[in-house]
């Protein structure tokens, strides 16, 4: 379980906080839905110990992240910055990180092949020489093949074609890990309808709610008495309701469109 209590993160002294007094527990598979710039990646960087925390606490299986060092099998993440530390080929990076994590190299190579990256490319290029889409696939394969108990996936479907998105989803379904997957797109809701969903706006989280409960739900601006979830963005209140008036959640395509509703 990942437990977050009263977490605040800001990158510059005196600057606005990116994460604002956030408290939540993750103990299953979660979609974290939010527009670009909502703090999703910063949250993952904080959980992974990659960014300073101003206040609050993050526990993984009851242990503070400040006391966790190099424990294989506990946490993996697909943030690219983690996998470009050495001046080695992408293939050698892959072998080193999978070995350190006590993971499955064959599984990593299988996933990469399904996502369009063969061994020859990995042996010829450094991680930073891969395209943006290739590098995302590379780091996602390592995160999944590490077989960690907790896996953080930051926009893992970026620049994948529909066929490869489908293949990646099959790997996600096979895993028994606690998975946090962040995205600004809603097309995953009907596909992963048994997952929990958390909305994230401007450094705050709202939920969780089952993804399946959102399939026939709509979003309206303002307070609704029958709301199954409420959140705030740009100082406006929004309500998610079952059916009726409003914008269907599944037709928003991206959470960035939430801000457009308030100006219609």
Protein backbone atom coordinates (compact mmCIF):
# COMPACT_ATOMS: atom_id res chain seq x y z
CA UNK A 1 0.00 0.00 0.00
CA UNK A 2 1.08 3.56 -0.75
CA UNK A 3 -0.15 6.02 1.88
CA UNK A 4 0.19 9.76 1.36
CA UNK A 5 -0.57 12.18 4.18
CA UNK A 6 -0.80 15.98 3.90
CA UNK A 7 1.75 16.09 1.08
CA UNK A 8 2.90 19.47 -0.24
CA UNK A 9 5.50 19.85 -3.00
CA UNK A 10 6.80 23.04 -4.59
CA UNK A 11 9.83 23.44 -6.82
CA UNK A 12 10.86 26.98 -5.89
CA UNK A 13 10.83 28.72 -2.55
CA UNK A 14 7.99 31.20 -2.60
CA UNK A 15 6.48 29.59 -5.69
CA UNK A 16 3.02 28.09 -5.86
CA UNK A 17 2.78 24.51 -4.57
CA UNK A 18 2.42 21.85 -7.26
CA UNK A 19 0.93 19.34 -4.79
CA UNK A 20 -1.34 20.87 -2.15
CA UNK A 21 -1.87 19.13 1.21
CA UNK A 22 -2.73 15.88 -0.55
CA UNK A 23 -3.85 12.78 1.39
CA UNK A 24 -4.82 9.44 -0.18
CA UNK A 25 -4.19 5.68 0.00
CA UNK A 26 -3.50 3.43 -2.99
CA UNK A 27 -4.03 -0.29 -2.42
CA UNK A 28 -5.17 -1.64 -5.80
CA UNK A 29 -5.11 -0.57 -9.45
CA UNK A 30 -5.81 3.13 -10.04
CA UNK A 31 -6.27 5.45 -12.99
CA UNK A 32 -5.25 8.99 -12.08
CA UNK A 33 -7.09 11.25 -14.51
CA UNK A 34 -6.20 14.90 -14.83
CA UNK A 35 -5.34 17.57 -17.38
CA UNK A 36 -1.78 18.38 -18.34
CA UNK A 37 -0.09 20.37 -15.58
CA UNK A 38 -2.33 19.05 -12.81
CA UNK A 39 0.58 17.61 -10.80
CA UNK A 40 0.29 13.93 -11.79
CA UNK A 41 3.94 13.48 -12.75
CA UNK A 42 5.12 15.51 -9.75
CA UNK A 43 3.12 13.19 -7.51
CA UNK A 44 4.89 10.18 -9.03
CA UNK A 45 8.29 11.85 -8.67
CA UNK A 46 7.54 12.49 -4.99
CA UNK A 47 6.50 8.87 -4.38
CA UNK A 48 9.68 7.67 -6.11
CA UNK A 49 11.84 10.00 -4.00
CA UNK A 50 12.94 12.03 -7.03
CA UNK A 51 11.80 15.44 -5.82
CA UNK A 52 12.02 17.17 -2.41
CA UNK A 53 8.91 17.18 -0.23
CA UNK A 54 8.08 20.41 1.57
CA UNK A 55 5.77 18.79 4.10
CA UNK A 56 3.76 15.64 4.67
CA UNK A 57 4.66 11.98 4.49
CA UNK A 58 4.70 9.12 1.99
CA UNK A 59 4.70 5.54 3.26
CA UNK A 60 5.16 2.40 1.16
CA UNK A 61 3.99 -0.67 3.06
CA UNK A 62 4.19 1.37 6.24
CA UNK A 63 7.78 2.56 5.72
CA UNK A 64 8.66 6.19 4.96
CA UNK A 65 10.27 6.67 1.55
CA UNK A 66 13.12 8.47 3.32
CA UNK A 67 14.03 5.13 4.91
CA UNK A 68 13.78 2.99 1.78
CA UNK A 69 16.99 2.58 -0.19
CA UNK A 70 17.54 0.08 -2.99
CA UNK A 71 14.92 -2.46 -1.93
CA UNK A 72 14.32 -4.61 -5.03
CA UNK A 73 10.78 -5.62 -5.82
CA UNK A 74 9.15 -2.77 -3.89
CA UNK A 75 8.62 0.07 -6.38
CA UNK A 76 9.20 0.62 -10.07
CA UNK A 77 8.43 3.65 -12.22
CA UNK A 78 8.55 4.47 -15.93
CA UNK A 79 9.92 8.00 -15.58
CA UNK A 80 12.61 8.36 -18.23
CA UNK A 81 15.05 10.19 -15.97
CA UNK A 82 15.56 7.01 -13.94
CA UNK A 83 16.96 5.04 -16.87
CA UNK A 84 19.65 7.27 -18.34
CA UNK A 85 22.31 7.36 -15.67
CA UNK A 86 25.09 5.42 -17.39
CA UNK A 87 26.92 5.92 -20.70
CA UNK A 88 25.82 2.53 -21.99
CA UNK A 89 23.56 1.21 -24.70
CA UNK A 90 19.85 0.94 -24.03
CA UNK A 91 20.24 -2.85 -24.04
CA UNK A 92 22.94 -2.76 -21.34
CA UNK A 93 20.83 -0.32 -19.31
CA UNK A 94 17.96 -2.76 -19.59
CA UNK A 95 20.03 -5.71 -18.36
CA UNK A 96 21.49 -3.76 -15.43
CA UNK A 97 18.18 -2.40 -14.17
CA UNK A 98 16.32 -5.69 -14.57
CA UNK A 99 19.14 -7.47 -12.72
CA UNK A 100 19.13 -4.90 -9.89
CA UNK A 101 15.36 -5.25 -9.57
CA UNK A 102 15.48 -9.06 -9.71
CA UNK A 103 13.13 -8.77 -12.67
CA UNK A 104 12.48 -10.76 -15.84
CA UNK A 105 14.72 -9.82 -18.80
CA UNK A 106 12.84 -12.08 -21.22
CA UNK A 107 9.57 -10.40 -20.28
CA UNK A 108 11.10 -6.94 -20.77
CA UNK A 109 12.35 -7.89 -24.25
CA UNK A 110 8.97 -9.42 -25.10
CA UNK A 111 7.14 -6.25 -24.08
CA UNK A 112 9.58 -4.08 -26.01
CA UNK A 113 9.15 -6.21 -29.12
CA UNK A 114 5.37 -5.86 -28.84
CA UNK A 115 5.80 -2.09 -28.53
CA UNK A 116 8.03 -1.87 -31.61
CA UNK A 117 11.54 -1.87 -30.13
CA UNK A 118 13.73 -4.80 -31.13
CA UNK A 119 17.05 -5.85 -29.62
CA UNK A 120 19.12 -4.42 -32.50
CA UNK A 121 17.84 -0.89 -31.85
CA UNK A 122 18.50 -1.28 -28.13
CA UNK A 123 22.08 -2.39 -28.76
CA UNK A 124 22.83 0.44 -31.21
CA UNK A 125 21.47 3.38 -29.23
CA UNK A 126 21.84 4.97 -25.83
CA UNK A 127 18.54 5.56 -24.00
CA UNK A 128 18.67 9.30 -24.76
CA UNK A 129 19.14 8.51 -28.45
CA UNK A 130 15.74 6.83 -28.61
CA UNK A 131 12.75 8.83 -29.83
CA UNK A 132 10.32 10.12 -27.21
CA UNK A 133 7.90 7.30 -27.92
CA UNK A 134 10.63 4.66 -27.90
CA UNK A 135 12.05 5.95 -24.63
CA UNK A 136 8.60 5.82 -23.02
CA UNK A 137 8.16 2.23 -24.21
CA UNK A 138 11.65 1.39 -22.95
CA UNK A 139 11.07 2.73 -19.44
CA UNK A 140 7.56 1.23 -19.29
CA UNK A 141 8.89 -2.23 -20.18
CA UNK A 142 11.50 -2.02 -17.42
CA UNK A 143 8.87 -0.90 -14.90
CA UNK A 144 6.56 -3.78 -15.78
CA UNK A 145 9.25 -6.47 -16.05
CA UNK A 146 10.73 -5.53 -12.68
CA UNK A 147 7.75 -7.32 -11.14
CA UNK A 148 7.66 -4.77 -8.33
CA UNK A 149 4.86 -4.80 -5.77
CA UNK A 150 4.04 -1.16 -6.62
CA UNK A 151 4.27 0.21 -10.18
CA UNK A 152 3.91 3.86 -11.24
CA UNK A 153 3.16 4.45 -14.93
CA UNK A 154 3.32 8.02 -16.20
CA UNK A 155 1.35 8.38 -19.49
CA UNK A 156 2.49 4.92 -20.72
CA UNK A 157 0.37 5.06 -23.89
CA UNK A 158 1.99 8.20 -25.31
CA UNK A 159 2.71 7.90 -29.05
CA UNK A 160 1.62 4.26 -29.24
CA UNK A 161 -0.65 3.23 -32.11
CA UNK A 162 -3.98 1.53 -31.24
CA UNK A 163 -2.64 -2.01 -31.78
CA UNK A 164 0.29 -1.47 -29.43
CA UNK A 165 -1.93 0.23 -26.86
CA UNK A 166 -4.05 -2.92 -26.87
CA UNK A 167 -1.00 -5.13 -26.33
CA UNK A 168 0.21 -3.01 -23.43
CA UNK A 169 -3.22 -3.23 -21.79
CA UNK A 170 -3.00 -7.02 -21.87
CA UNK A 171 0.25 -6.89 -19.89
CA UNK A 172 -1.37 -4.55 -17.36
CA UNK A 173 -4.26 -6.96 -16.88
CA UNK A 174 -1.88 -9.82 -16.07
CA UNK A 175 -0.06 -7.99 -13.29
CA UNK A 176 -1.07 -8.47 -9.67
CA UNK A 177 0.87 -5.40 -8.51
CA UNK A 178 -0.57 -2.20 -7.08
CA UNK A 179 -0.56 0.01 -10.19
CA UNK A 180 -0.94 3.78 -10.43
CA UNK A 181 -1.41 4.89 -14.05
CA UNK A 182 -1.77 8.57 -14.80
CA UNK A 183 -3.23 10.00 -17.98
CA UNK A 184 -5.21 12.98 -19.26
CA UNK A 185 -7.29 10.80 -21.63
CA UNK A 186 -10.57 9.04 -20.83
CA UNK A 187 -10.56 6.24 -23.43
CA UNK A 188 -9.20 3.85 -20.79
CA UNK A 189 -12.34 4.05 -18.63
CA UNK A 190 -14.42 1.41 -20.49
CA UNK A 191 -11.37 -0.80 -21.01
CA UNK A 192 -10.23 -0.79 -17.38
CA UNK A 193 -13.68 -0.39 -15.85
CA UNK A 194 -12.83 -2.54 -12.83
CA UNK A 195 -9.99 -0.16 -11.84
CA UNK A 196 -10.40 2.64 -9.32
CA UNK A 197 -10.29 6.19 -10.67
CA UNK A 198 -8.95 9.32 -9.00
CA UNK A 199 -9.29 12.77 -10.55
CA UNK A 200 -6.45 15.25 -10.12
CA UNK A 201 -6.77 18.99 -10.67
CA UNK A 202 -4.29 21.69 -9.67
CA UNK A 203 -2.41 19.57 -7.15
CA UNK A 204 -5.44 18.06 -5.42
CA UNK A 205 -7.08 14.63 -5.76
CA UNK A 206 -10.76 13.66 -5.75
CA UNK A 207 -12.10 10.15 -5.38
CA UNK A 208 -11.64 7.27 -5.70
CA UNK A 209 -14.56 6.03 -7.75
CA UNK A 210 -14.81 2.91 -9.91
CA UNK A 211 -14.06 3.55 -13.58
CA UNK A 212 -17.16 1.56 -14.51
CA UNK A 213 -19.34 4.00 -12.56
CA UNK A 214 -18.18 6.81 -14.85
CA UNK A 215 -19.27 5.18 -18.12
CA UNK A 216 -22.84 6.52 -17.95
CA UNK A 217 -21.95 9.65 -16.00
CA UNK A 218 -21.90 13.28 -17.08
CA UNK A 219 -20.00 16.35 -15.98
CA UNK A 220 -21.78 19.58 -15.10
CA UNK A 221 -20.48 22.95 -13.99
CA UNK A 222 -21.54 23.83 -10.44
CA UNK A 223 -22.92 21.92 -7.45
CA UNK A 224 -25.37 19.10 -8.16
CA UNK A 225 -27.36 17.51 -5.34
CA UNK A 226 -27.12 14.05 -6.90
CA UNK A 227 -23.38 14.20 -7.61
CA UNK A 228 -21.35 11.01 -7.22
CA UNK A 229 -18.17 13.12 -7.16
CA UNK A 230 -17.32 16.82 -6.95
CA UNK A 231 -14.10 18.66 -7.68
CA UNK A 232 -12.71 22.16 -8.14
CA UNK A 233 -10.67 23.56 -11.05
CA UNK A 234 -9.80 27.19 -11.76
CA UNK A 235 -11.93 28.26 -8.80
CA UNK A 236 -15.02 26.64 -10.34
CA UNK A 237 -16.95 23.74 -8.85
CA UNK A 238 -17.85 20.73 -10.99
CA UNK A 239 -20.11 17.75 -10.35
CA UNK A 240 -20.16 14.28 -11.85
CA UNK A 241 -23.69 12.89 -11.98
CA UNK A 242 -25.31 9.72 -13.27
CA UNK A 243 -26.82 10.38 -16.68
CA UNK A 244 -29.05 13.35 -17.45
CA UNK A 245 -27.76 16.77 -18.45
CA UNK A 246 -24.10 17.63 -18.87
CA UNK A 247 -21.13 16.42 -20.87
CA UNK A 248 -20.62 12.62 -20.93
CA UNK A 249 -17.33 11.80 -19.22
CA UNK A 250 -16.34 9.34 -21.94
CA UNK A 251 -16.82 12.00 -24.64
CA UNK A 252 -14.40 14.45 -23.08
CA UNK A 253 -11.51 12.49 -24.69
CA UNK A 254 -9.07 14.51 -22.59
CA UNK A 255 -9.42 16.09 -19.15
CA UNK A 256 -8.00 19.33 -20.57
CA UNK A 257 -11.50 19.95 -21.98
CA UNK A 258 -12.92 20.36 -18.48
CA UNK A 259 -11.81 23.98 -18.53
CA UNK A 260 -13.71 24.60 -21.76
CA UNK A 261 -17.03 23.69 -20.14
CA UNK A 262 -16.94 26.69 -17.82
CA UNK A 263 -16.70 29.19 -20.68
CA UNK A 264 -19.44 27.84 -22.92
